[in-house]
Amino acid sequence: HLTASSQNNHRRNPSDLQAFLDKAKQG
């Protein structure tokens, strides 16, 4: 899910997505 944030120009960081996917993969 990609959701709009109230903070404009919030950078999407590849390492953050990787960490999120790693947690989801395990959980």
mmCIF file of all heavy atoms, coordinates in Angstrom:
data_MODEL
# 
_entry.id   MODEL 
# 
loop_
_atom_site.group_PDB 
_atom_site.id 
_atom_site.type_symbol 
_atom_site.label_atom_id 
_atom_site.label_alt_id 
_atom_site.label_comp_id 
_atom_site.label_asym_id 
_atom_site.label_entity_id 
_atom_site.label_seq_id 
_atom_site.pdbx_PDB_ins_code 
_atom_site.Cartn_x 
_atom_site.Cartn_y 
_atom_site.Cartn_z 
_atom_site.occupancy 
_atom_site.B_iso_or_equiv 
_atom_site.pdbx_formal_charge 
_atom_site.auth_seq_id 
_atom_site.auth_comp_id 
_atom_site.auth_asym_id 
_atom_site.auth_atom_id 
_atom_site.pdbx_PDB_model_num 
ATOM 1   N N   . HIS A 1 1  ? 0.846  -1.193  0.000  1.00 0.00 ? 1  HIS A N   1 
ATOM 2   C CA  . HIS A 1 1  ? 0.000  0.000   0.000  1.00 0.00 ? 1  HIS A CA  1 
ATOM 3   C C   . HIS A 1 1  ? 0.882  1.244   0.000  1.00 0.00 ? 1  HIS A C   1 
ATOM 4   O O   . HIS A 1 1  ? 1.760  1.378   0.848  1.00 0.00 ? 1  HIS A O   1 
ATOM 5   C CB  . HIS A 1 1  ? -0.900 0.033   1.234  1.00 0.00 ? 1  HIS A CB  1 
ATOM 6   C CG  . HIS A 1 1  ? -2.040 -0.912  1.157  1.00 0.00 ? 1  HIS A CG  1 
ATOM 7   N ND1 . HIS A 1 1  ? -3.311 -0.543  1.469  1.00 0.00 ? 1  HIS A ND1 1 
ATOM 8   C CD2 . HIS A 1 1  ? -2.116 -2.212  0.777  1.00 0.00 ? 1  HIS A CD2 1 
ATOM 9   C CE1 . HIS A 1 1  ? -4.121 -1.575  1.304  1.00 0.00 ? 1  HIS A CE1 1 
ATOM 10  N NE2 . HIS A 1 1  ? -3.404 -2.598  0.891  1.00 0.00 ? 1  HIS A NE2 1 
ATOM 11  N N   . LEU A 1 2  ? 0.632  2.143   -0.932 1.00 0.00 ? 2  LEU A N   1 
ATOM 12  C CA  . LEU A 1 2  ? 1.259  3.460   -0.941 1.00 0.00 ? 2  LEU A CA  1 
ATOM 13  C C   . LEU A 1 2  ? 0.177  4.461   -0.575 1.00 0.00 ? 2  LEU A C   1 
ATOM 14  O O   . LEU A 1 2  ? -0.858 4.538   -1.231 1.00 0.00 ? 2  LEU A O   1 
ATOM 15  C CB  . LEU A 1 2  ? 1.841  3.784   -2.317 1.00 0.00 ? 2  LEU A CB  1 
ATOM 16  C CG  . LEU A 1 2  ? 3.032  2.943   -2.751 1.00 0.00 ? 2  LEU A CG  1 
ATOM 17  C CD1 . LEU A 1 2  ? 3.449  3.313   -4.170 1.00 0.00 ? 2  LEU A CD1 1 
ATOM 18  C CD2 . LEU A 1 2  ? 4.199  3.139   -1.806 1.00 0.00 ? 2  LEU A CD2 1 
ATOM 19  N N   . THR A 1 3  ? 0.406  5.221   0.486  1.00 0.00 ? 3  THR A N   1 
ATOM 20  C CA  . THR A 1 3  ? -0.582 6.133   1.042  1.00 0.00 ? 3  THR A CA  1 
ATOM 21  C C   . THR A 1 3  ? -0.031 7.550   1.044  1.00 0.00 ? 3  THR A C   1 
ATOM 22  O O   . THR A 1 3  ? 1.153  7.755   1.295  1.00 0.00 ? 3  THR A O   1 
ATOM 23  C CB  . THR A 1 3  ? -0.908 5.710   2.493  1.00 0.00 ? 3  THR A CB  1 
ATOM 24  O OG1 . THR A 1 3  ? -1.292 4.331   2.492  1.00 0.00 ? 3  THR A OG1 1 
ATOM 25  C CG2 . THR A 1 3  ? -2.027 6.544   3.078  1.00 0.00 ? 3  THR A CG2 1 
ATOM 26  N N   . ALA A 1 4  ? -0.904 8.521   0.797  1.00 0.00 ? 4  ALA A N   1 
ATOM 27  C CA  . ALA A 1 4  ? -0.497 9.925   0.832  1.00 0.00 ? 4  ALA A CA  1 
ATOM 28  C C   . ALA A 1 4  ? -0.253 10.354  2.271  1.00 0.00 ? 4  ALA A C   1 
ATOM 29  O O   . ALA A 1 4  ? -1.019 10.025  3.167  1.00 0.00 ? 4  ALA A O   1 
ATOM 30  C CB  . ALA A 1 4  ? -1.565 10.800  0.191  1.00 0.00 ? 4  ALA A CB  1 
ATOM 31  N N   . SER A 1 5  ? 0.826  11.087  2.481  1.00 0.00 ? 5  SER A N   1 
ATOM 32  C CA  . SER A 1 5  ? 1.157  11.632  3.787  1.00 0.00 ? 5  SER A CA  1 
ATOM 33  C C   . SER A 1 5  ? 0.851  13.122  3.792  1.00 0.00 ? 5  SER A C   1 
ATOM 34  O O   . SER A 1 5  ? 0.867  13.769  2.748  1.00 0.00 ? 5  SER A O   1 
ATOM 35  C CB  . SER A 1 5  ? 2.647  11.414  4.071  1.00 0.00 ? 5  SER A CB  1 
ATOM 36  O OG  . SER A 1 5  ? 3.046  12.136  5.211  1.00 0.00 ? 5  SER A OG  1 
ATOM 37  N N   . SER A 1 6  ? 0.606  13.667  4.961  1.00 0.00 ? 6  SER A N   1 
ATOM 38  C CA  . SER A 1 6  ? 0.381  15.109  5.063  1.00 0.00 ? 6  SER A CA  1 
ATOM 39  C C   . SER A 1 6  ? 1.695  15.881  4.938  1.00 0.00 ? 6  SER A C   1 
ATOM 40  O O   . SER A 1 6  ? 1.684  17.089  4.763  1.00 0.00 ? 6  SER A O   1 
ATOM 41  C CB  . SER A 1 6  ? -0.287 15.440  6.395  1.00 0.00 ? 6  SER A CB  1 
ATOM 42  O OG  . SER A 1 6  ? 0.540  15.022  7.463  1.00 0.00 ? 6  SER A OG  1 
ATOM 43  N N   . GLN A 1 7  ? 2.833  15.187  5.008  1.00 0.00 ? 7  GLN A N   1 
ATOM 44  C CA  . GLN A 1 7  ? 4.142  15.827  4.859  1.00 0.00 ? 7  GLN A CA  1 
ATOM 45  C C   . GLN A 1 7  ? 4.562  15.760  3.396  1.00 0.00 ? 7  GLN A C   1 
ATOM 46  O O   . GLN A 1 7  ? 4.801  14.684  2.871  1.00 0.00 ? 7  GLN A O   1 
ATOM 47  C CB  . GLN A 1 7  ? 5.196  15.128  5.699  1.00 0.00 ? 7  GLN A CB  1 
ATOM 48  C CG  . GLN A 1 7  ? 4.958  15.169  7.173  1.00 0.00 ? 7  GLN A CG  1 
ATOM 49  C CD  . GLN A 1 7  ? 6.048  14.417  7.921  1.00 0.00 ? 7  GLN A CD  1 
ATOM 50  O OE1 . GLN A 1 7  ? 6.967  13.879  7.335  1.00 0.00 ? 7  GLN A OE1 1 
ATOM 51  N NE2 . GLN A 1 7  ? 5.921  14.380  9.236  1.00 0.00 ? 7  GLN A NE2 1 
ATOM 52  N N   . ASN A 1 8  ? 4.626  16.893  2.738  1.00 0.00 ? 8  ASN A N   1 
ATOM 53  C CA  . ASN A 1 8  ? 5.073  16.914  1.347  1.00 0.00 ? 8  ASN A CA  1 
ATOM 54  C C   . ASN A 1 8  ? 6.570  16.668  1.271  1.00 0.00 ? 8  ASN A C   1 
ATOM 55  O O   . ASN A 1 8  ? 7.312  16.965  2.191  1.00 0.00 ? 8  ASN A O   1 
ATOM 56  C CB  . ASN A 1 8  ? 4.719  18.244  0.685  1.00 0.00 ? 8  ASN A CB  1 
ATOM 57  C CG  . ASN A 1 8  ? 3.235  18.341  0.396  1.00 0.00 ? 8  ASN A CG  1 
ATOM 58  O OD1 . ASN A 1 8  ? 2.551  17.335  0.267  1.00 0.00 ? 8  ASN A OD1 1 
ATOM 59  N ND2 . ASN A 1 8  ? 2.743  19.556  0.304  1.00 0.00 ? 8  ASN A ND2 1 
ATOM 60  N N   . ASN A 1 9  ? 7.013  16.134  0.136  1.00 0.00 ? 9  ASN A N   1 
ATOM 61  C CA  . ASN A 1 9  ? 8.424  15.844  -0.116 1.00 0.00 ? 9  ASN A CA  1 
ATOM 62  C C   . ASN A 1 9  ? 9.041  14.937  0.932  1.00 0.00 ? 9  ASN A C   1 
ATOM 63  O O   . ASN A 1 9  ? 10.153 15.147  1.383  1.00 0.00 ? 9  ASN A O   1 
ATOM 64  C CB  . ASN A 1 9  ? 9.238  17.136  -0.243 1.00 0.00 ? 9  ASN A CB  1 
ATOM 65  C CG  . ASN A 1 9  ? 8.863  17.889  -1.482 1.00 0.00 ? 9  ASN A CG  1 
ATOM 66  O OD1 . ASN A 1 9  ? 8.468  17.291  -2.482 1.00 0.00 ? 9  ASN A OD1 1 
ATOM 67  N ND2 . ASN A 1 9  ? 8.961  19.196  -1.438 1.00 0.00 ? 9  ASN A ND2 1 
ATOM 68  N N   . HIS A 1 10 ? 8.311  13.931  1.349  1.00 0.00 ? 10 HIS A N   1 
ATOM 69  C CA  . HIS A 1 10 ? 8.833  12.939  2.289  1.00 0.00 ? 10 HIS A CA  1 
ATOM 70  C C   . HIS A 1 10 ? 9.562  11.888  1.455  1.00 0.00 ? 10 HIS A C   1 
ATOM 71  O O   . HIS A 1 10 ? 8.942  11.138  0.728  1.00 0.00 ? 10 HIS A O   1 
ATOM 72  C CB  . HIS A 1 10 ? 7.682  12.305  3.076  1.00 0.00 ? 10 HIS A CB  1 
ATOM 73  C CG  . HIS A 1 10 ? 8.144  11.336  4.099  1.00 0.00 ? 10 HIS A CG  1 
ATOM 74  N ND1 . HIS A 1 10 ? 8.763  11.729  5.267  1.00 0.00 ? 10 HIS A ND1 1 
ATOM 75  C CD2 . HIS A 1 10 ? 8.102  9.993   4.125  1.00 0.00 ? 10 HIS A CD2 1 
ATOM 76  C CE1 . HIS A 1 10 ? 9.062  10.649  5.973  1.00 0.00 ? 10 HIS A CE1 1 
ATOM 77  N NE2 . HIS A 1 10 ? 8.681  9.596   5.302  1.00 0.00 ? 10 HIS A NE2 1 
ATOM 78  N N   . ARG A 1 11 ? 10.872 11.856  1.544  1.00 0.00 ? 11 ARG A N   1 
ATOM 79  C CA  . ARG A 1 11 ? 11.674 10.990  0.683  1.00 0.00 ? 11 ARG A CA  1 
ATOM 80  C C   . ARG A 1 11 ? 11.441 9.515   0.981  1.00 0.00 ? 11 ARG A C   1 
ATOM 81  O O   . ARG A 1 11 ? 11.501 9.077   2.116  1.00 0.00 ? 11 ARG A O   1 
ATOM 82  C CB  . ARG A 1 11 ? 13.156 11.316  0.866  1.00 0.00 ? 11 ARG A CB  1 
ATOM 83  C CG  . ARG A 1 11 ? 14.018 10.593  -0.136 1.00 0.00 ? 11 ARG A CG  1 
ATOM 84  C CD  . ARG A 1 11 ? 15.482 10.894  0.014  1.00 0.00 ? 11 ARG A CD  1 
ATOM 85  N NE  . ARG A 1 11 ? 15.743 12.264  0.331  1.00 0.00 ? 11 ARG A NE  1 
ATOM 86  C CZ  . ARG A 1 11 ? 16.608 12.638  1.278  1.00 0.00 ? 11 ARG A CZ  1 
ATOM 87  N NH1 . ARG A 1 11 ? 17.264 11.762  1.978  1.00 0.00 ? 11 ARG A NH1 1 
ATOM 88  N NH2 . ARG A 1 11 ? 16.815 13.903  1.517  1.00 0.00 ? 11 ARG A NH2 1 
ATOM 89  N N   . ARG A 1 12 ? 11.189 8.729   -0.073 1.00 0.00 ? 12 ARG A N   1 
ATOM 90  C CA  . ARG A 1 12 ? 11.085 7.280   0.052  1.00 0.00 ? 12 ARG A CA  1 
ATOM 91  C C   . ARG A 1 12 ? 12.491 6.707   -0.090 1.00 0.00 ? 12 ARG A C   1 
ATOM 92  O O   . ARG A 1 12 ? 13.117 6.839   -1.126 1.00 0.00 ? 12 ARG A O   1 
ATOM 93  C CB  . ARG A 1 12 ? 10.158 6.727   -1.032 1.00 0.00 ? 12 ARG A CB  1 
ATOM 94  C CG  . ARG A 1 12 ? 8.719  7.118   -0.855 1.00 0.00 ? 12 ARG A CG  1 
ATOM 95  C CD  . ARG A 1 12 ? 7.859  6.579   -1.977 1.00 0.00 ? 12 ARG A CD  1 
ATOM 96  N NE  . ARG A 1 12 ? 8.218  7.150   -3.266 1.00 0.00 ? 12 ARG A NE  1 
ATOM 97  C CZ  . ARG A 1 12 ? 7.662  8.226   -3.798 1.00 0.00 ? 12 ARG A CZ  1 
ATOM 98  N NH1 . ARG A 1 12 ? 6.724  8.864   -3.157 1.00 0.00 ? 12 ARG A NH1 1 
ATOM 99  N NH2 . ARG A 1 12 ? 8.044  8.662   -4.975 1.00 0.00 ? 12 ARG A NH2 1 
ATOM 100 N N   . ASN A 1 13 ? 12.961 6.070   0.945  1.00 0.00 ? 13 ASN A N   1 
ATOM 101 C CA  . ASN A 1 13 ? 14.320 5.564   0.987  1.00 0.00 ? 13 ASN A CA  1 
ATOM 102 C C   . ASN A 1 13 ? 14.324 4.072   0.682  1.00 0.00 ? 13 ASN A C   1 
ATOM 103 O O   . ASN A 1 13 ? 13.599 3.314   1.332  1.00 0.00 ? 13 ASN A O   1 
ATOM 104 C CB  . ASN A 1 13 ? 14.890 5.849   2.379  1.00 0.00 ? 13 ASN A CB  1 
ATOM 105 C CG  . ASN A 1 13 ? 16.337 5.496   2.496  1.00 0.00 ? 13 ASN A CG  1 
ATOM 106 O OD1 . ASN A 1 13 ? 16.776 4.441   2.050  1.00 0.00 ? 13 ASN A OD1 1 
ATOM 107 N ND2 . ASN A 1 13 ? 17.094 6.378   3.120  1.00 0.00 ? 13 ASN A ND2 1 
ATOM 108 N N   . PRO A 1 14 ? 15.143 3.606   -0.285 1.00 0.00 ? 14 PRO A N   1 
ATOM 109 C CA  . PRO A 1 14 ? 15.173 2.176   -0.620 1.00 0.00 ? 14 PRO A CA  1 
ATOM 110 C C   . PRO A 1 14 ? 15.530 1.285   0.562  1.00 0.00 ? 14 PRO A C   1 
ATOM 111 O O   . PRO A 1 14 ? 14.962 0.207   0.708  1.00 0.00 ? 14 PRO A O   1 
ATOM 112 C CB  . PRO A 1 14 ? 16.245 2.086   -1.706 1.00 0.00 ? 14 PRO A CB  1 
ATOM 113 C CG  . PRO A 1 14 ? 16.357 3.447   -2.265 1.00 0.00 ? 14 PRO A CG  1 
ATOM 114 C CD  . PRO A 1 14 ? 16.015 4.392   -1.160 1.00 0.00 ? 14 PRO A CD  1 
ATOM 115 N N   . SER A 1 15 ? 16.438 1.727   1.416  1.00 0.00 ? 15 SER A N   1 
ATOM 116 C CA  . SER A 1 15 ? 16.816 0.880   2.555  1.00 0.00 ? 15 SER A CA  1 
ATOM 117 C C   . SER A 1 15 ? 15.661 0.756   3.553  1.00 0.00 ? 15 SER A C   1 
ATOM 118 O O   . SER A 1 15 ? 15.510 -0.275  4.203  1.00 0.00 ? 15 SER A O   1 
ATOM 119 C CB  . SER A 1 15 ? 18.076 1.406   3.237  1.00 0.00 ? 15 SER A CB  1 
ATOM 120 O OG  . SER A 1 15 ? 17.869 2.701   3.740  1.00 0.00 ? 15 SER A OG  1 
ATOM 121 N N   . ASP A 1 16 ? 14.842 1.807   3.670  1.00 0.00 ? 16 ASP A N   1 
ATOM 122 C CA  . ASP A 1 16 ? 13.670 1.731   4.545  1.00 0.00 ? 16 ASP A CA  1 
ATOM 123 C C   . ASP A 1 16 ? 12.652 0.727   4.005  1.00 0.00 ? 16 ASP A C   1 
ATOM 124 O O   . ASP A 1 16 ? 12.065 -0.046  4.762  1.00 0.00 ? 16 ASP A O   1 
ATOM 125 C CB  . ASP A 1 16 ? 13.004 3.098   4.698  1.00 0.00 ? 16 ASP A CB  1 
ATOM 126 C CG  . ASP A 1 16 ? 13.849 4.075   5.496  1.00 0.00 ? 16 ASP A CG  1 
ATOM 127 O OD1 . ASP A 1 16 ? 14.783 3.623   6.193  1.00 0.00 ? 16 ASP A OD1 1 
ATOM 128 O OD2 . ASP A 1 16 ? 13.576 5.280   5.407  1.00 0.00 ? 16 ASP A OD2 1 
ATOM 129 N N   . LEU A 1 17 ? 12.429 0.761   2.692  1.00 0.00 ? 17 LEU A N   1 
ATOM 130 C CA  . LEU A 1 17 ? 11.502 -0.208  2.091  1.00 0.00 ? 17 LEU A CA  1 
ATOM 131 C C   . LEU A 1 17 ? 12.057 -1.616  2.224  1.00 0.00 ? 17 LEU A C   1 
ATOM 132 O O   . LEU A 1 17 ? 11.320 -2.553  2.531  1.00 0.00 ? 17 LEU A O   1 
ATOM 133 C CB  . LEU A 1 17 ? 11.216 0.128   0.626  1.00 0.00 ? 17 LEU A CB  1 
ATOM 134 C CG  . LEU A 1 17 ? 10.267 -0.821  -0.105 1.00 0.00 ? 17 LEU A CG  1 
ATOM 135 C CD1 . LEU A 1 17 ? 8.929  -0.976  0.622  1.00 0.00 ? 17 LEU A CD1 1 
ATOM 136 C CD2 . LEU A 1 17 ? 10.042 -0.351  -1.544 1.00 0.00 ? 17 LEU A CD2 1 
ATOM 137 N N   . GLN A 1 18 ? 13.369 -1.769  2.028  1.00 0.00 ? 18 GLN A N   1 
ATOM 138 C CA  . GLN A 1 18 ? 13.997 -3.082  2.178  1.00 0.00 ? 18 GLN A CA  1 
ATOM 139 C C   . GLN A 1 18 ? 13.801 -3.614  3.600  1.00 0.00 ? 18 GLN A C   1 
ATOM 140 O O   . GLN A 1 18 ? 13.431 -4.770  3.796  1.00 0.00 ? 18 GLN A O   1 
ATOM 141 C CB  . GLN A 1 18 ? 15.489 -2.998  1.846  1.00 0.00 ? 18 GLN A CB  1 
ATOM 142 C CG  . GLN A 1 18 ? 16.224 -4.318  1.982  1.00 0.00 ? 18 GLN A CG  1 
ATOM 143 C CD  . GLN A 1 18 ? 15.820 -5.332  0.943  1.00 0.00 ? 18 GLN A CD  1 
ATOM 144 O OE1 . GLN A 1 18 ? 15.706 -5.023  -0.233 1.00 0.00 ? 18 GLN A OE1 1 
ATOM 145 N NE2 . GLN A 1 18 ? 15.578 -6.554  1.366  1.00 0.00 ? 18 GLN A NE2 1 
ATOM 146 N N   . ALA A 1 19 ? 14.005 -2.766  4.603  1.00 0.00 ? 19 ALA A N   1 
ATOM 147 C CA  . ALA A 1 19 ? 13.821 -3.182  5.996  1.00 0.00 ? 19 ALA A CA  1 
ATOM 148 C C   . ALA A 1 19 ? 12.358 -3.538  6.268  1.00 0.00 ? 19 ALA A C   1 
ATOM 149 O O   . ALA A 1 19 ? 12.070 -4.525  6.960  1.00 0.00 ? 19 ALA A O   1 
ATOM 150 C CB  . ALA A 1 19 ? 14.277 -2.069  6.939  1.00 0.00 ? 19 ALA A CB  1 
ATOM 151 N N   . PHE A 1 20 ? 11.447 -2.750  5.709  1.00 0.00 ? 20 PHE A N   1 
ATOM 152 C CA  . PHE A 1 20 ? 10.014 -3.017  5.869  1.00 0.00 ? 20 PHE A CA  1 
ATOM 153 C C   . PHE A 1 20 ? 9.647  -4.360  5.233  1.00 0.00 ? 20 PHE A C   1 
ATOM 154 O O   . PHE A 1 20 ? 8.933  -5.176  5.831  1.00 0.00 ? 20 PHE A O   1 
ATOM 155 C CB  . PHE A 1 20 ? 9.228  -1.865  5.234  1.00 0.00 ? 20 PHE A CB  1 
ATOM 156 C CG  . PHE A 1 20 ? 7.747  -1.905  5.458  1.00 0.00 ? 20 PHE A CG  1 
ATOM 157 C CD1 . PHE A 1 20 ? 7.198  -2.238  6.684  1.00 0.00 ? 20 PHE A CD1 1 
ATOM 158 C CD2 . PHE A 1 20 ? 6.880  -1.570  4.433  1.00 0.00 ? 20 PHE A CD2 1 
ATOM 159 C CE1 . PHE A 1 20 ? 5.830  -2.243  6.890  1.00 0.00 ? 20 PHE A CE1 1 
ATOM 160 C CE2 . PHE A 1 20 ? 5.508  -1.578  4.619  1.00 0.00 ? 20 PHE A CE2 1 
ATOM 161 C CZ  . PHE A 1 20 ? 4.982  -1.919  5.849  1.00 0.00 ? 20 PHE A CZ  1 
ATOM 162 N N   . LEU A 1 21 ? 10.166 -4.620  4.035  1.00 0.00 ? 21 LEU A N   1 
ATOM 163 C CA  . LEU A 1 21 ? 9.890  -5.898  3.364  1.00 0.00 ? 21 LEU A CA  1 
ATOM 164 C C   . LEU A 1 21 ? 10.531 -7.070  4.113  1.00 0.00 ? 21 LEU A C   1 
ATOM 165 O O   . LEU A 1 21 ? 9.946  -8.153  4.174  1.00 0.00 ? 21 LEU A O   1 
ATOM 166 C CB  . LEU A 1 21 ? 10.377 -5.851  1.918  1.00 0.00 ? 21 LEU A CB  1 
ATOM 167 C CG  . LEU A 1 21 ? 9.597  -4.938  0.984  1.00 0.00 ? 21 LEU A CG  1 
ATOM 168 C CD1 . LEU A 1 21 ? 10.283 -4.850  -0.377 1.00 0.00 ? 21 LEU A CD1 1 
ATOM 169 C CD2 . LEU A 1 21 ? 8.157  -5.401  0.846  1.00 0.00 ? 21 LEU A CD2 1 
ATOM 170 N N   . ASP A 1 22 ? 11.713 -6.876  4.677  1.00 0.00 ? 22 ASP A N   1 
ATOM 171 C CA  . ASP A 1 22 ? 12.360 -7.936  5.457  1.00 0.00 ? 22 ASP A CA  1 
ATOM 172 C C   . ASP A 1 22 ? 11.507 -8.311  6.668  1.00 0.00 ? 22 ASP A C   1 
ATOM 173 O O   . ASP A 1 22 ? 11.323 -9.492  6.965  1.00 0.00 ? 22 ASP A O   1 
ATOM 174 C CB  . ASP A 1 22 ? 13.758 -7.506  5.915  1.00 0.00 ? 22 ASP A CB  1 
ATOM 175 C CG  . ASP A 1 22 ? 14.772 -7.500  4.786  1.00 0.00 ? 22 ASP A CG  1 
ATOM 176 O OD1 . ASP A 1 22 ? 14.520 -8.129  3.741  1.00 0.00 ? 22 ASP A OD1 1 
ATOM 177 O OD2 . ASP A 1 22 ? 15.829 -6.849  4.961  1.00 0.00 ? 22 ASP A OD2 1 
ATOM 178 N N   . LYS A 1 23 ? 10.971 -7.281  7.370  1.00 0.00 ? 23 LYS A N   1 
ATOM 179 C CA  . LYS A 1 23 ? 10.094 -7.552  8.518  1.00 0.00 ? 23 LYS A CA  1 
ATOM 180 C C   . LYS A 1 23 ? 8.824  -8.270  8.071  1.00 0.00 ? 23 LYS A C   1 
ATOM 181 O O   . LYS A 1 23 ? 8.376  -9.222  8.720  1.00 0.00 ? 23 LYS A O   1 
ATOM 182 C CB  . LYS A 1 23 ? 9.704  -6.242  9.205  1.00 0.00 ? 23 LYS A CB  1 
ATOM 183 C CG  . LYS A 1 23 ? 10.798 -5.619  10.003 1.00 0.00 ? 23 LYS A CG  1 
ATOM 184 C CD  . LYS A 1 23 ? 10.322 -4.314  10.624 1.00 0.00 ? 23 LYS A CD  1 
ATOM 185 C CE  . LYS A 1 23 ? 11.455 -3.540  11.228 1.00 0.00 ? 23 LYS A CE  1 
ATOM 186 N NZ  . LYS A 1 23 ? 11.015 -2.235  11.752 1.00 0.00 ? 23 LYS A NZ  1 
ATOM 187 N N   . ALA A 1 24 ? 8.245  -7.823  6.962  1.00 0.00 ? 24 ALA A N   1 
ATOM 188 C CA  . ALA A 1 24 ? 7.028  -8.449  6.452  1.00 0.00 ? 24 ALA A CA  1 
ATOM 189 C C   . ALA A 1 24 ? 7.304  -9.881  5.991  1.00 0.00 ? 24 ALA A C   1 
ATOM 190 O O   . ALA A 1 24 ? 6.499  -10.783 6.226  1.00 0.00 ? 24 ALA A O   1 
ATOM 191 C CB  . ALA A 1 24 ? 6.445  -7.634  5.295  1.00 0.00 ? 24 ALA A CB  1 
ATOM 192 N N   . LYS A 1 25 ? 8.444  -10.084 5.344  1.00 0.00 ? 25 LYS A N   1 
ATOM 193 C CA  . LYS A 1 25 ? 8.807  -11.424 4.876  1.00 0.00 ? 25 LYS A CA  1 
ATOM 194 C C   . LYS A 1 25 ? 8.924  -12.396 6.040  1.00 0.00 ? 25 LYS A C   1 
ATOM 195 O O   . LYS A 1 25 ? 8.438  -13.521 5.971  1.00 0.00 ? 25 LYS A O   1 
ATOM 196 C CB  . LYS A 1 25 ? 10.121 -11.353 4.093  1.00 0.00 ? 25 LYS A CB  1 
ATOM 197 C CG  . LYS A 1 25 ? 10.475 -12.590 3.339  1.00 0.00 ? 25 LYS A CG  1 
ATOM 198 C CD  . LYS A 1 25 ? 11.700 -12.360 2.465  1.00 0.00 ? 25 LYS A CD  1 
ATOM 199 C CE  . LYS A 1 25 ? 12.032 -13.600 1.676  1.00 0.00 ? 25 LYS A CE  1 
ATOM 200 N NZ  . LYS A 1 25 ? 13.185 -13.374 0.792  1.00 0.00 ? 25 LYS A NZ  1 
ATOM 201 N N   . GLN A 1 26 ? 9.521  -11.931 7.122  1.00 0.00 ? 26 GLN A N   1 
ATOM 202 C CA  . GLN A 1 26 ? 9.677  -12.772 8.301  1.00 0.00 ? 26 GLN A CA  1 
ATOM 203 C C   . GLN A 1 26 ? 8.350  -12.927 9.045  1.00 0.00 ? 26 GLN A C   1 
ATOM 204 O O   . GLN A 1 26 ? 7.956  -14.032 9.404  1.00 0.00 ? 26 GLN A O   1 
ATOM 205 C CB  . GLN A 1 26 ? 10.730 -12.190 9.221  1.00 0.00 ? 26 GLN A CB  1 
ATOM 206 C CG  . GLN A 1 26 ? 11.031 -13.051 10.419 1.00 0.00 ? 26 GLN A CG  1 
ATOM 207 C CD  . GLN A 1 26 ? 12.125 -12.445 11.278 1.00 0.00 ? 26 GLN A CD  1 
ATOM 208 O OE1 . GLN A 1 26 ? 12.233 -11.231 11.400 1.00 0.00 ? 26 GLN A OE1 1 
ATOM 209 N NE2 . GLN A 1 26 ? 12.939 -13.303 11.862 1.00 0.00 ? 26 GLN A NE2 1 
ATOM 210 N N   . GLY A 1 27 ? 7.655  -11.834 9.275  1.00 0.00 ? 27 GLY A N   1 
ATOM 211 C CA  . GLY A 1 27 ? 6.425  -11.868 10.063 1.00 0.00 ? 27 GLY A CA  1 
ATOM 212 C C   . GLY A 1 27 ? 5.254  -12.544 9.369  1.00 0.00 ? 27 GLY A C   1 
ATOM 213 O O   . GLY A 1 27 ? 4.415  -13.170 10.013 1.00 0.00 ? 27 GLY A O   1 
# 
